Amino acid sequence: MKKKDLLKRLNKLTKLIAKTEPDVEPDTHLFSQHSIDHERRVMMVDEERCSQREMVNIMEESNHIWTIRNKIHNGEWDVLPLVQLEKEVKDFITQGQKISAIKHYRNVMDRDFGTTISLKTAKYTVDALAQNIKVDLTRGYDKPS
């Protein structure tokens, strides 16, 4: 993708982030982490300080922020923790750490959602996510018979 085209898309994300920032800043920070990370990426692209591989990473991370910010914009606050969990599990998968992905998924579901996910279901869920199959993380993925 050309720099100009990437910057045009990143500009759309900049507008969405600004539109979905809280009206009242919390006491702990003035700028959201999404804003900071996004601006850093825009600067890297604009100043041509990134390789092709880094540009792909910027596109992937921007897609993740775009998904979250659209959910905020659409009032889907309750699904945000699951969106974050899915990203974390996919990050483990990308790093070739499926066992860690399974453990993390089970731990977060138990700790944060009070849901016990069996080892078998967690494995099938991680395998499905690795194949980009849409999964309801609250129930997990059961391998079709």
Protein backbone atom coordinates (compact mmCIF):
# COMPACT_ATOMS: atom_id res chain seq x y z
CA MET A 1 0.00 0.00 0.00
CA LYS A 2 1.26 3.44 -0.84
CA LYS A 3 2.03 5.98 1.87
CA LYS A 4 -0.66 8.39 0.61
CA ASP A 5 -3.38 5.72 0.69
CA LEU A 6 -2.36 4.48 4.12
CA LEU A 7 -2.33 8.02 5.53
CA LYS A 8 -5.80 8.64 4.07
CA ARG A 9 -7.15 5.59 5.93
CA LEU A 10 -5.31 6.46 9.10
CA ASN A 11 -6.91 9.92 8.92
CA LYS A 12 -10.34 8.22 9.04
CA LEU A 13 -9.24 6.45 12.20
CA THR A 14 -7.98 9.73 13.68
CA LYS A 15 -11.46 11.21 13.20
CA LEU A 16 -13.18 8.15 14.71
CA ILE A 17 -10.88 8.22 17.75
CA ALA A 18 -11.59 11.93 18.28
CA LYS A 19 -15.33 11.32 17.94
CA THR A 20 -15.29 8.47 20.49
CA GLU A 21 -13.01 9.98 23.12
CA PRO A 22 -14.71 10.48 26.49
CA ASP A 23 -16.31 13.89 27.06
CA VAL A 24 -14.63 14.14 30.48
CA GLU A 25 -11.02 13.07 30.84
CA PRO A 26 -10.25 10.76 33.74
CA ASP A 27 -7.92 11.98 36.49
CA THR A 28 -5.19 9.58 35.39
CA HIS A 29 -4.56 10.76 31.82
CA LEU A 30 -5.37 13.43 29.26
CA PHE A 31 -4.99 11.27 26.15
CA SER A 32 -6.20 7.71 25.61
CA GLN A 33 -3.67 5.01 24.81
CA HIS A 34 -5.39 4.53 21.44
CA SER A 35 -4.75 8.20 20.62
CA ILE A 36 -1.11 8.01 21.62
CA ASP A 37 -0.42 4.74 19.79
CA HIS A 38 -2.26 5.93 16.70
CA GLU A 39 -0.42 9.25 16.52
CA ARG A 40 2.90 7.44 16.88
CA ARG A 41 1.98 5.20 13.94
CA VAL A 42 0.84 8.13 11.80
CA MET A 43 4.16 9.88 12.42
CA MET A 44 6.11 6.75 11.46
CA VAL A 45 4.25 6.48 8.16
CA ASP A 46 4.30 10.22 7.43
CA GLU A 47 8.02 10.49 8.14
CA GLU A 48 8.69 7.24 6.24
CA ARG A 49 10.40 5.69 9.25
CA CYS A 50 8.91 2.22 8.80
CA SER A 51 9.65 -0.82 6.73
CA GLN A 52 7.04 -2.67 4.68
CA ARG A 53 6.71 -5.18 7.53
CA GLU A 54 6.10 -2.36 10.03
CA MET A 55 3.48 -0.89 7.71
CA VAL A 56 1.60 -4.19 7.76
CA ASN A 57 1.81 -4.18 11.56
CA ILE A 58 0.48 -0.60 11.60
CA MET A 59 -2.43 -1.68 9.41
CA GLU A 60 -3.24 -4.63 11.70
CA GLU A 61 -3.08 -2.56 14.88
CA SER A 62 -5.14 0.20 13.25
CA ASN A 63 -7.80 -2.36 12.29
CA HIS A 64 -8.00 -3.44 15.93
CA ILE A 65 -8.45 0.14 17.16
CA TRP A 66 -10.98 0.75 14.38
CA THR A 67 -13.03 -2.25 15.55
CA ILE A 68 -13.01 -1.12 19.17
CA ARG A 69 -13.79 2.51 18.36
CA ASN A 70 -16.68 1.53 16.08
CA LYS A 71 -18.12 -0.59 18.89
CA ILE A 72 -17.85 2.41 21.21
CA HIS A 73 -19.47 4.62 18.56
CA ASN A 74 -22.32 2.11 18.13
CA GLY A 75 -22.89 1.81 21.88
CA GLU A 76 -21.67 -1.78 22.16
CA TRP A 77 -19.66 -1.25 25.37
CA ASP A 78 -20.45 -4.71 26.73
CA VAL A 79 -18.51 -6.50 23.98
CA LEU A 80 -15.27 -4.52 24.35
CA PRO A 81 -13.62 -6.90 26.84
CA LEU A 82 -14.29 -9.78 24.45
CA VAL A 83 -12.82 -7.85 21.53
CA GLN A 84 -9.69 -7.26 23.61
CA LEU A 85 -9.54 -10.92 24.66
CA GLU A 86 -9.84 -12.07 21.05
CA LYS A 87 -6.96 -9.79 20.06
CA GLU A 88 -4.79 -11.08 22.91
CA VAL A 89 -5.51 -14.70 21.99
CA LYS A 90 -4.77 -13.98 18.31
CA ASP A 91 -1.51 -12.29 19.31
CA PHE A 92 -0.44 -15.49 21.09
CA ILE A 93 -1.42 -17.51 18.01
CA THR A 94 0.58 -15.20 15.72
CA GLN A 95 3.61 -15.69 17.96
CA GLY A 96 3.22 -19.48 17.68
CA GLN A 97 2.15 -19.81 21.32
CA LYS A 98 -1.10 -21.77 21.09
CA ILE A 99 -0.70 -23.28 24.55
CA SER A 100 -0.35 -19.81 26.05
CA ALA A 101 -3.39 -18.69 24.02
CA ILE A 102 -5.44 -21.56 25.46
CA LYS A 103 -4.31 -20.83 29.02
CA HIS A 104 -4.92 -17.11 28.66
CA TYR A 105 -8.39 -17.61 27.19
CA ARG A 106 -9.42 -19.98 29.98
CA ASN A 107 -7.96 -17.76 32.72
CA VAL A 108 -9.58 -14.55 31.48
CA MET A 109 -12.97 -16.20 30.96
CA ASP A 110 -12.85 -17.59 34.49
CA ARG A 111 -11.45 -14.48 36.18
CA ASP A 112 -13.28 -11.73 34.30
CA PHE A 113 -16.49 -13.42 33.17
CA GLY A 114 -16.99 -16.17 35.77
CA THR A 115 -17.22 -18.74 32.97
CA THR A 116 -15.37 -22.03 33.10
CA ILE A 117 -14.15 -23.10 29.66
CA SER A 118 -13.02 -26.70 29.35
CA LEU A 119 -9.55 -27.42 28.04
CA LYS A 120 -11.07 -29.18 25.01
CA THR A 121 -13.35 -26.25 24.16
CA ALA A 122 -10.49 -23.78 24.67
CA LYS A 123 -8.30 -25.75 22.26
CA TYR A 124 -11.05 -25.86 19.61
CA THR A 125 -11.70 -22.14 20.13
CA VAL A 126 -8.04 -21.22 19.67
CA ASP A 127 -7.82 -23.48 16.60
CA ALA A 128 -10.92 -21.80 15.14
CA LEU A 129 -9.52 -18.32 15.78
CA ALA A 130 -6.27 -19.40 14.10
CA GLN A 131 -8.36 -20.24 11.02
CA ASN A 132 -10.23 -16.92 11.23
CA ILE A 133 -13.52 -18.62 12.06
CA LYS A 134 -15.99 -16.33 13.85
CA VAL A 135 -16.29 -17.48 17.47
CA ASP A 136 -18.52 -16.50 20.38
CA LEU A 137 -15.86 -16.39 23.09
CA THR A 138 -18.46 -16.49 25.86
CA ARG A 139 -19.30 -20.08 24.86
CA GLY A 140 -16.22 -21.15 22.95
CA TYR A 141 -16.09 -23.20 19.80
CA ASP A 142 -17.06 -26.85 19.77
CA LYS A 143 -15.55 -28.83 16.95
CA PRO A 144 -18.29 -29.92 14.55
CA SER A 145 -18.96 -33.67 14.57
